[in-house]
Amino acid sequence: MSIARRAWHAASLAVSRAASGYPRRVSLLRRCSRTACGRPATTTLTYVYADQTAVLGPLATYAEPHAYDLCEVHSDRLSAPRGWEVLRLVHDDPHAHSSDDLLALADAVREAAQPRPVPADGTERAPFEMREVARKGHLRVLRPTD
């Protein structure tokens, strides 16, 4: 390494160290685990050695040492050793809502909007009349009052 390059490298480390306390900045974007690939990771590869299975699923929430993050290109070209099975899990959009979720939400809103029936004797009872039976720390055991 030339003297000018070493001086530039030392100066860049000093600037970044002064700014953050670390020698260089770390990207929060997870990258593909394959050597020399800088693409963003889209899937996570894990191995189940007992079943001789490679499991390729959606990107894990946290990076773990026993799992490998792969980009789209490398996850499409993935092959397993002879005798092993590749299990590809369906990648669902976490932001998309299914029709079941939307129907359940609509039913809950309709139910909450309906008026509560009044008892025939005319006395209106609160919907959740409970009495405390026992307590342990911040937890309470409640039973309905009859």
N, C-alpha and C. Protein backbone atom coordinates (compact mmCIF):
# COMPACT_ATOMS: atom_id res chain seq x y z
N MET A 1 0.86 -1.18 0.00
CA MET A 1 0.00 0.00 0.00
C MET A 1 0.91 1.24 0.00
N SER A 2 0.57 2.18 -0.86
CA SER A 2 1.41 3.37 -0.96
C SER A 2 1.21 4.26 0.26
N ILE A 3 2.16 5.16 0.48
CA ILE A 3 2.11 6.06 1.63
C ILE A 3 0.91 6.99 1.54
N ALA A 4 0.63 7.49 0.34
CA ALA A 4 -0.52 8.39 0.16
C ALA A 4 -1.82 7.65 0.46
N ARG A 5 -1.91 6.41 0.01
CA ARG A 5 -3.13 5.62 0.26
C ARG A 5 -3.28 5.32 1.74
N ARG A 6 -2.19 5.00 2.43
CA ARG A 6 -2.25 4.74 3.87
C ARG A 6 -2.69 5.99 4.63
N ALA A 7 -2.18 7.14 4.22
CA ALA A 7 -2.56 8.39 4.87
C ALA A 7 -4.04 8.67 4.67
N TRP A 8 -4.52 8.43 3.43
CA TRP A 8 -5.95 8.65 3.16
C TRP A 8 -6.79 7.68 3.99
N HIS A 9 -6.38 6.41 4.06
CA HIS A 9 -7.12 5.40 4.82
C HIS A 9 -7.15 5.76 6.31
N ALA A 10 -6.03 6.18 6.86
CA ALA A 10 -5.96 6.56 8.28
C ALA A 10 -6.83 7.79 8.54
N ALA A 11 -6.84 8.73 7.61
CA ALA A 11 -7.66 9.93 7.78
C ALA A 11 -9.15 9.59 7.73
N SER A 12 -9.53 8.68 6.83
CA SER A 12 -10.95 8.31 6.74
C SER A 12 -11.39 7.56 7.99
N LEU A 13 -10.52 6.72 8.54
CA LEU A 13 -10.85 6.02 9.79
C LEU A 13 -10.98 7.00 10.94
N ALA A 14 -10.10 7.99 10.98
CA ALA A 14 -10.16 8.98 12.06
C ALA A 14 -11.45 9.78 12.00
N VAL A 15 -11.88 10.14 10.79
CA VAL A 15 -13.12 10.90 10.64
C VAL A 15 -14.31 10.07 11.08
N SER A 16 -14.39 8.83 10.59
CA SER A 16 -15.54 8.01 10.95
C SER A 16 -15.50 7.61 12.42
N ARG A 17 -14.30 7.38 12.98
CA ARG A 17 -14.18 7.02 14.39
C ARG A 17 -14.63 8.18 15.27
N ALA A 18 -14.28 9.41 14.87
CA ALA A 18 -14.68 10.58 15.66
C ALA A 18 -16.18 10.78 15.59
N ALA A 19 -16.78 10.49 14.46
CA ALA A 19 -18.21 10.71 14.28
C ALA A 19 -19.05 9.67 15.02
N SER A 20 -18.63 8.40 14.99
CA SER A 20 -19.49 7.36 15.54
C SER A 20 -18.87 6.55 16.66
N GLY A 21 -17.58 6.66 16.87
CA GLY A 21 -16.94 5.85 17.89
C GLY A 21 -16.51 4.49 17.38
N TYR A 22 -16.85 4.16 16.13
CA TYR A 22 -16.47 2.89 15.50
C TYR A 22 -15.56 3.19 14.32
N PRO A 23 -14.70 2.26 13.94
CA PRO A 23 -13.78 2.53 12.84
C PRO A 23 -14.46 2.75 11.50
N ARG A 24 -15.58 2.12 11.24
CA ARG A 24 -16.30 2.35 9.99
C ARG A 24 -17.79 2.12 10.20
N ARG A 25 -18.55 2.67 9.32
CA ARG A 25 -19.99 2.55 9.45
C ARG A 25 -20.46 1.18 8.99
N VAL A 26 -21.51 0.68 9.62
CA VAL A 26 -22.07 -0.61 9.27
C VAL A 26 -23.44 -0.38 8.67
N SER A 27 -23.70 -1.02 7.53
CA SER A 27 -24.98 -0.87 6.87
C SER A 27 -26.04 -1.68 7.61
N LEU A 28 -27.22 -1.11 7.77
CA LEU A 28 -28.31 -1.81 8.42
C LEU A 28 -29.02 -2.75 7.44
N LEU A 29 -28.76 -2.58 6.14
CA LEU A 29 -29.36 -3.42 5.13
C LEU A 29 -28.63 -4.75 5.10
N ARG A 30 -29.38 -5.85 5.21
CA ARG A 30 -28.74 -7.16 5.19
C ARG A 30 -28.44 -7.55 3.76
N ARG A 31 -27.24 -8.05 3.54
CA ARG A 31 -26.76 -8.41 2.22
C ARG A 31 -26.71 -9.92 2.06
N CYS A 32 -26.60 -10.36 0.83
CA CYS A 32 -26.50 -11.78 0.50
C CYS A 32 -25.24 -12.35 1.14
N SER A 33 -25.34 -13.57 1.67
CA SER A 33 -24.21 -14.22 2.34
C SER A 33 -23.18 -14.79 1.38
N ARG A 34 -23.52 -14.91 0.10
CA ARG A 34 -22.60 -15.47 -0.86
C ARG A 34 -21.42 -14.53 -1.08
N THR A 35 -20.25 -15.11 -1.27
CA THR A 35 -19.02 -14.34 -1.44
C THR A 35 -19.12 -13.44 -2.67
N ALA A 36 -18.70 -12.21 -2.52
CA ALA A 36 -18.65 -11.20 -3.59
C ALA A 36 -20.02 -10.79 -4.11
N CYS A 37 -21.07 -11.09 -3.40
CA CYS A 37 -22.41 -10.65 -3.81
C CYS A 37 -22.84 -9.53 -2.87
N GLY A 38 -23.17 -8.41 -3.41
CA GLY A 38 -23.56 -7.26 -2.59
C GLY A 38 -25.04 -6.93 -2.68
N ARG A 39 -25.83 -7.83 -3.29
CA ARG A 39 -27.25 -7.56 -3.44
C ARG A 39 -27.96 -7.67 -2.10
N PRO A 40 -29.10 -7.00 -1.95
CA PRO A 40 -29.88 -7.11 -0.70
C PRO A 40 -30.46 -8.51 -0.55
N ALA A 41 -30.50 -9.00 0.67
CA ALA A 41 -31.03 -10.33 0.96
C ALA A 41 -32.55 -10.30 0.91
N THR A 42 -33.13 -11.39 0.36
CA THR A 42 -34.59 -11.50 0.28
C THR A 42 -35.11 -12.77 0.95
N THR A 43 -34.24 -13.77 1.11
CA THR A 43 -34.65 -15.04 1.72
C THR A 43 -33.60 -15.49 2.73
N THR A 44 -33.99 -16.43 3.58
CA THR A 44 -33.07 -17.00 4.56
C THR A 44 -33.01 -18.51 4.35
N LEU A 45 -31.79 -19.03 4.32
CA LEU A 45 -31.55 -20.45 4.12
C LEU A 45 -31.09 -21.06 5.45
N THR A 46 -31.74 -22.13 5.87
CA THR A 46 -31.32 -22.88 7.05
C THR A 46 -31.26 -24.36 6.67
N TYR A 47 -30.49 -25.10 7.43
CA TYR A 47 -30.33 -26.53 7.18
C TYR A 47 -30.89 -27.32 8.35
N VAL A 48 -31.60 -28.40 8.04
CA VAL A 48 -32.05 -29.36 9.04
C VAL A 48 -31.26 -30.63 8.75
N TYR A 49 -30.15 -30.80 9.46
CA TYR A 49 -29.23 -31.89 9.17
C TYR A 49 -29.86 -33.25 9.44
N ALA A 50 -30.69 -33.37 10.46
CA ALA A 50 -31.30 -34.65 10.80
C ALA A 50 -32.20 -35.16 9.67
N ASP A 51 -32.87 -34.25 8.98
CA ASP A 51 -33.78 -34.63 7.89
C ASP A 51 -33.14 -34.49 6.51
N GLN A 52 -31.89 -34.05 6.46
CA GLN A 52 -31.19 -33.77 5.21
C GLN A 52 -32.03 -32.86 4.32
N THR A 53 -32.42 -31.71 4.90
CA THR A 53 -33.28 -30.76 4.21
C THR A 53 -32.69 -29.36 4.30
N ALA A 54 -32.72 -28.65 3.19
CA ALA A 54 -32.37 -27.24 3.15
C ALA A 54 -33.68 -26.47 3.05
N VAL A 55 -33.93 -25.57 4.00
CA VAL A 55 -35.19 -24.82 4.05
C VAL A 55 -34.91 -23.39 3.61
N LEU A 56 -35.60 -22.96 2.55
CA LEU A 56 -35.45 -21.62 2.03
C LEU A 56 -36.78 -20.90 2.23
N GLY A 57 -36.77 -19.88 3.08
CA GLY A 57 -38.00 -19.18 3.39
C GLY A 57 -37.83 -17.68 3.33
N PRO A 58 -38.85 -16.93 3.76
CA PRO A 58 -38.75 -15.47 3.76
C PRO A 58 -37.62 -15.00 4.66
N LEU A 59 -37.17 -13.80 4.44
CA LEU A 59 -36.07 -13.23 5.21
C LEU A 59 -36.43 -13.23 6.69
N ALA A 60 -35.55 -13.81 7.51
CA ALA A 60 -35.78 -13.89 8.95
C ALA A 60 -35.76 -12.49 9.56
N THR A 61 -36.46 -12.35 10.67
CA THR A 61 -36.54 -11.05 11.33
C THR A 61 -35.17 -10.60 11.82
N TYR A 62 -34.39 -11.52 12.36
CA TYR A 62 -33.07 -11.20 12.87
C TYR A 62 -32.03 -12.07 12.17
N ALA A 63 -30.85 -11.52 11.95
CA ALA A 63 -29.75 -12.30 11.38
C ALA A 63 -29.23 -13.24 12.45
N GLU A 64 -29.12 -14.51 12.11
CA GLU A 64 -28.64 -15.51 13.05
C GLU A 64 -27.40 -16.18 12.48
N PRO A 65 -26.49 -16.64 13.34
CA PRO A 65 -25.24 -17.22 12.84
C PRO A 65 -25.42 -18.54 12.10
N HIS A 66 -26.47 -19.29 12.37
CA HIS A 66 -26.66 -20.58 11.73
C HIS A 66 -27.56 -20.50 10.49
N ALA A 67 -27.93 -19.31 10.07
CA ALA A 67 -28.78 -19.11 8.90
C ALA A 67 -28.04 -18.23 7.90
N TYR A 68 -28.36 -18.42 6.63
CA TYR A 68 -27.70 -17.68 5.57
C TYR A 68 -28.73 -16.85 4.81
N ASP A 69 -28.47 -15.56 4.70
CA ASP A 69 -29.34 -14.67 3.95
C ASP A 69 -28.91 -14.70 2.48
N LEU A 70 -29.87 -14.87 1.58
CA LEU A 70 -29.58 -14.94 0.16
C LEU A 70 -30.38 -13.91 -0.62
N CYS A 71 -29.80 -13.44 -1.72
CA CYS A 71 -30.51 -12.52 -2.61
C CYS A 71 -31.44 -13.33 -3.50
N GLU A 72 -32.23 -12.64 -4.30
CA GLU A 72 -33.19 -13.30 -5.19
C GLU A 72 -32.51 -14.23 -6.19
N VAL A 73 -31.40 -13.78 -6.76
CA VAL A 73 -30.70 -14.56 -7.78
C VAL A 73 -30.17 -15.87 -7.18
N HIS A 74 -29.49 -15.77 -6.03
CA HIS A 74 -28.91 -16.96 -5.42
C HIS A 74 -29.97 -17.89 -4.84
N SER A 75 -31.10 -17.35 -4.38
CA SER A 75 -32.15 -18.23 -3.86
C SER A 75 -32.83 -18.99 -4.99
N ASP A 76 -32.92 -18.39 -6.19
CA ASP A 76 -33.50 -19.10 -7.34
C ASP A 76 -32.59 -20.21 -7.85
N ARG A 77 -31.27 -19.99 -7.76
CA ARG A 77 -30.31 -20.97 -8.27
C ARG A 77 -29.85 -21.97 -7.21
N LEU A 78 -30.45 -21.96 -6.05
CA LEU A 78 -30.00 -22.83 -4.96
C LEU A 78 -30.22 -24.30 -5.31
N SER A 79 -29.21 -25.10 -5.05
CA SER A 79 -29.34 -26.56 -5.18
C SER A 79 -28.76 -27.18 -3.92
N ALA A 80 -29.24 -28.36 -3.59
CA ALA A 80 -28.80 -29.05 -2.38
C ALA A 80 -27.89 -30.22 -2.77
N PRO A 81 -27.12 -30.72 -1.82
CA PRO A 81 -26.27 -31.88 -2.11
C PRO A 81 -27.12 -33.09 -2.48
N ARG A 82 -26.51 -34.05 -3.14
CA ARG A 82 -27.20 -35.27 -3.55
C ARG A 82 -27.79 -35.96 -2.33
N GLY A 83 -29.07 -36.33 -2.42
CA GLY A 83 -29.75 -36.98 -1.32
C GLY A 83 -30.48 -36.02 -0.39
N TRP A 84 -30.24 -34.73 -0.56
CA TRP A 84 -30.90 -33.72 0.26
C TRP A 84 -32.12 -33.18 -0.49
N GLU A 85 -33.06 -32.65 0.28
CA GLU A 85 -34.27 -32.07 -0.29
C GLU A 85 -34.27 -30.57 -0.02
N VAL A 86 -34.71 -29.79 -0.99
CA VAL A 86 -34.85 -28.33 -0.81
C VAL A 86 -36.33 -28.04 -0.58
N LEU A 87 -36.62 -27.44 0.54
CA LEU A 87 -37.99 -27.06 0.88
C LEU A 87 -38.09 -25.55 0.73
N ARG A 88 -38.87 -25.10 -0.25
CA ARG A 88 -39.04 -23.66 -0.49
C ARG A 88 -40.38 -23.23 0.08
N LEU A 89 -40.33 -22.38 1.09
CA LEU A 89 -41.56 -21.88 1.72
C LEU A 89 -42.08 -20.70 0.91
N VAL A 90 -43.39 -20.58 0.84
CA VAL A 90 -44.02 -19.51 0.08
C VAL A 90 -43.74 -18.19 0.78
N HIS A 91 -43.35 -17.22 -0.01
CA HIS A 91 -43.06 -15.88 0.51
C HIS A 91 -44.32 -15.04 0.45
N ASP A 92 -44.94 -14.80 1.60
CA ASP A 92 -46.14 -13.97 1.66
C ASP A 92 -45.75 -12.52 1.91
N ASP A 93 -46.55 -11.62 1.38
CA ASP A 93 -46.33 -10.20 1.63
C ASP A 93 -46.84 -9.90 3.03
N PRO A 94 -45.95 -9.49 3.97
CA PRO A 94 -46.40 -9.26 5.33
C PRO A 94 -47.34 -8.06 5.47
N HIS A 95 -47.35 -7.19 4.45
CA HIS A 95 -48.21 -6.00 4.54
C HIS A 95 -49.58 -6.23 3.89
N ALA A 96 -49.73 -7.33 3.18
CA ALA A 96 -51.00 -7.61 2.53
C ALA A 96 -51.95 -8.29 3.51
N HIS A 97 -53.19 -7.88 3.49
CA HIS A 97 -54.20 -8.48 4.36
C HIS A 97 -55.03 -9.47 3.55
N SER A 98 -55.31 -10.61 4.13
CA SER A 98 -56.14 -11.57 3.44
C SER A 98 -57.60 -11.15 3.57
N SER A 99 -58.44 -11.74 2.75
CA SER A 99 -59.86 -11.41 2.81
C SER A 99 -60.46 -11.87 4.14
N ASP A 100 -59.92 -12.95 4.73
CA ASP A 100 -60.40 -13.41 6.04
C ASP A 100 -60.15 -12.36 7.12
N ASP A 101 -58.97 -11.72 7.09
CA ASP A 101 -58.66 -10.68 8.07
C ASP A 101 -59.63 -9.51 7.94
N LEU A 102 -59.89 -9.11 6.71
CA LEU A 102 -60.78 -7.97 6.49
C LEU A 102 -62.22 -8.30 6.88
N LEU A 103 -62.67 -9.52 6.60
CA LEU A 103 -64.02 -9.92 6.99
C LEU A 103 -64.16 -10.00 8.51
N ALA A 104 -63.14 -10.51 9.19
CA ALA A 104 -63.17 -10.58 10.65
C ALA A 104 -63.22 -9.18 11.25
N LEU A 105 -62.46 -8.26 10.69
CA LEU A 105 -62.47 -6.88 11.17
C LEU A 105 -63.84 -6.23 10.95
N ALA A 106 -64.43 -6.45 9.79
CA ALA A 106 -65.76 -5.89 9.50
C ALA A 106 -66.81 -6.47 10.44
N ASP A 107 -66.74 -7.78 10.73
CA ASP A 107 -67.69 -8.39 11.67
C ASP A 107 -67.54 -7.82 13.07
N ALA A 108 -66.30 -7.58 13.50
CA ALA A 108 -66.07 -7.02 14.83
C ALA A 108 -66.62 -5.60 14.93
N VAL A 109 -66.47 -4.81 13.87
CA VAL A 109 -66.99 -3.44 13.87
C VAL A 109 -68.52 -3.47 13.91
N ARG A 110 -69.14 -4.35 13.11
CA ARG A 110 -70.60 -4.45 13.12
C ARG A 110 -71.12 -4.86 14.50
N GLU A 111 -70.46 -5.83 15.12
CA GLU A 111 -70.89 -6.30 16.44
C GLU A 111 -70.76 -5.20 17.49
N ALA A 112 -69.69 -4.43 17.43
CA ALA A 112 -69.49 -3.35 18.40
C ALA A 112 -70.50 -2.23 18.20
N ALA A 113 -71.00 -2.05 16.99
CA ALA A 113 -71.94 -0.97 16.70
C ALA A 113 -73.38 -1.31 17.09
N GLN A 114 -73.67 -2.59 17.30
CA GLN A 114 -75.04 -2.97 17.65
C GLN A 114 -75.35 -2.58 19.09
N PRO A 115 -76.61 -2.10 19.32
CA PRO A 115 -76.98 -1.75 20.70
C PRO A 115 -77.12 -3.01 21.55
N ARG A 116 -76.80 -2.87 22.83
CA ARG A 116 -76.89 -4.00 23.76
C ARG A 116 -78.34 -4.13 24.24
N PRO A 117 -78.82 -5.38 24.33
CA PRO A 117 -80.22 -5.58 24.78
C PRO A 117 -80.37 -5.22 26.27
N VAL A 118 -81.53 -4.66 26.60
CA VAL A 118 -81.86 -4.30 27.99
C VAL A 118 -82.64 -5.47 28.59
N PRO A 119 -82.30 -5.92 29.84
CA PRO A 119 -83.04 -7.02 30.47
C PRO A 119 -84.52 -6.67 30.63
N ALA A 120 -85.37 -7.71 30.67
CA ALA A 120 -86.82 -7.53 30.75
C ALA A 120 -87.25 -6.89 32.06
N ASP A 121 -86.51 -7.08 33.15
CA ASP A 121 -86.92 -6.51 34.44
C ASP A 121 -86.62 -5.02 34.54
N GLY A 122 -85.96 -4.44 33.53
CA GLY A 122 -85.74 -3.00 33.51
C GLY A 122 -84.44 -2.57 34.16
N THR A 123 -83.78 -3.45 34.91
CA THR A 123 -82.52 -3.07 35.53
C THR A 123 -81.40 -3.27 34.51
N GLU A 124 -80.65 -2.24 34.32
CA GLU A 124 -79.57 -2.33 33.35
C GLU A 124 -78.31 -2.78 34.07
N ARG A 125 -77.72 -3.86 33.61
CA ARG A 125 -76.54 -4.41 34.23
C ARG A 125 -75.33 -4.09 33.35
N ALA A 126 -74.25 -3.74 33.99
CA ALA A 126 -73.02 -3.47 33.25
C ALA A 126 -72.56 -4.76 32.57
N PRO A 127 -71.98 -4.69 31.39
CA PRO A 127 -71.64 -5.90 30.66
C PRO A 127 -70.59 -6.78 31.34
N PHE A 128 -69.74 -6.18 32.16
CA PHE A 128 -68.68 -6.96 32.80
C PHE A 128 -68.67 -6.69 34.30
N GLU A 129 -69.66 -7.19 35.02
CA GLU A 129 -69.66 -7.06 36.46
C GLU A 129 -68.90 -8.24 37.04
N MET A 130 -67.72 -7.97 37.57
CA MET A 130 -66.87 -9.02 38.11
C MET A 130 -66.44 -8.64 39.52
N ARG A 131 -66.16 -9.67 40.31
CA ARG A 131 -65.61 -9.41 41.64
C ARG A 131 -64.27 -10.11 41.74
N GLU A 132 -63.37 -9.49 42.50
CA GLU A 132 -62.03 -10.03 42.65
C GLU A 132 -62.06 -11.14 43.69
N VAL A 133 -61.56 -12.32 43.34
CA VAL A 133 -61.55 -13.47 44.23
C VAL A 133 -60.18 -13.62 44.89
N ALA A 134 -59.13 -13.47 44.12
CA ALA A 134 -57.78 -13.63 44.64
C ALA A 134 -56.84 -12.70 43.89
N ARG A 135 -55.66 -12.47 44.49
CA ARG A 135 -54.67 -11.60 43.87
C ARG A 135 -53.28 -12.13 44.19
N LYS A 136 -52.41 -12.11 43.20
CA LYS A 136 -51.02 -12.46 43.40
C LYS A 136 -50.18 -11.51 42.57
N GLY A 137 -49.49 -10.62 43.24
CA GLY A 137 -48.71 -9.60 42.53
C GLY A 137 -49.63 -8.67 41.77
N HIS A 138 -49.40 -8.52 40.49
CA HIS A 138 -50.24 -7.66 39.66
C HIS A 138 -51.38 -8.44 38.99
N LEU A 139 -51.46 -9.75 39.23
CA LEU A 139 -52.50 -10.57 38.62
C LEU A 139 -53.71 -10.71 39.55
N ARG A 140 -54.90 -10.72 38.95
CA ARG A 140 -56.13 -10.88 39.73
C ARG A 140 -56.96 -11.98 39.15
N VAL A 141 -57.67 -12.72 40.02
CA VAL A 141 -58.64 -13.73 39.59
C VAL A 141 -60.01 -13.10 39.75
N LEU A 142 -60.77 -13.04 38.65
CA LEU A 142 -62.09 -12.43 38.67
C LEU A 142 -63.16 -13.47 38.37
N ARG A 143 -64.29 -13.32 39.02
CA ARG A 143 -65.45 -14.18 38.77
C ARG A 143 -66.66 -13.28 38.57
N PRO A 144 -67.59 -13.73 37.72
CA PRO A 144 -68.80 -12.89 37.52
C PRO A 144 -69.66 -12.85 38.77
N THR A 145 -70.26 -11.70 38.99
CA THR A 145 -71.18 -11.57 40.13
C THR A 145 -72.55 -12.10 39.71
N ASP A 146 -73.11 -12.97 40.51
CA ASP A 146 -74.43 -13.54 40.19
C ASP A 146 -75.48 -13.08 41.15
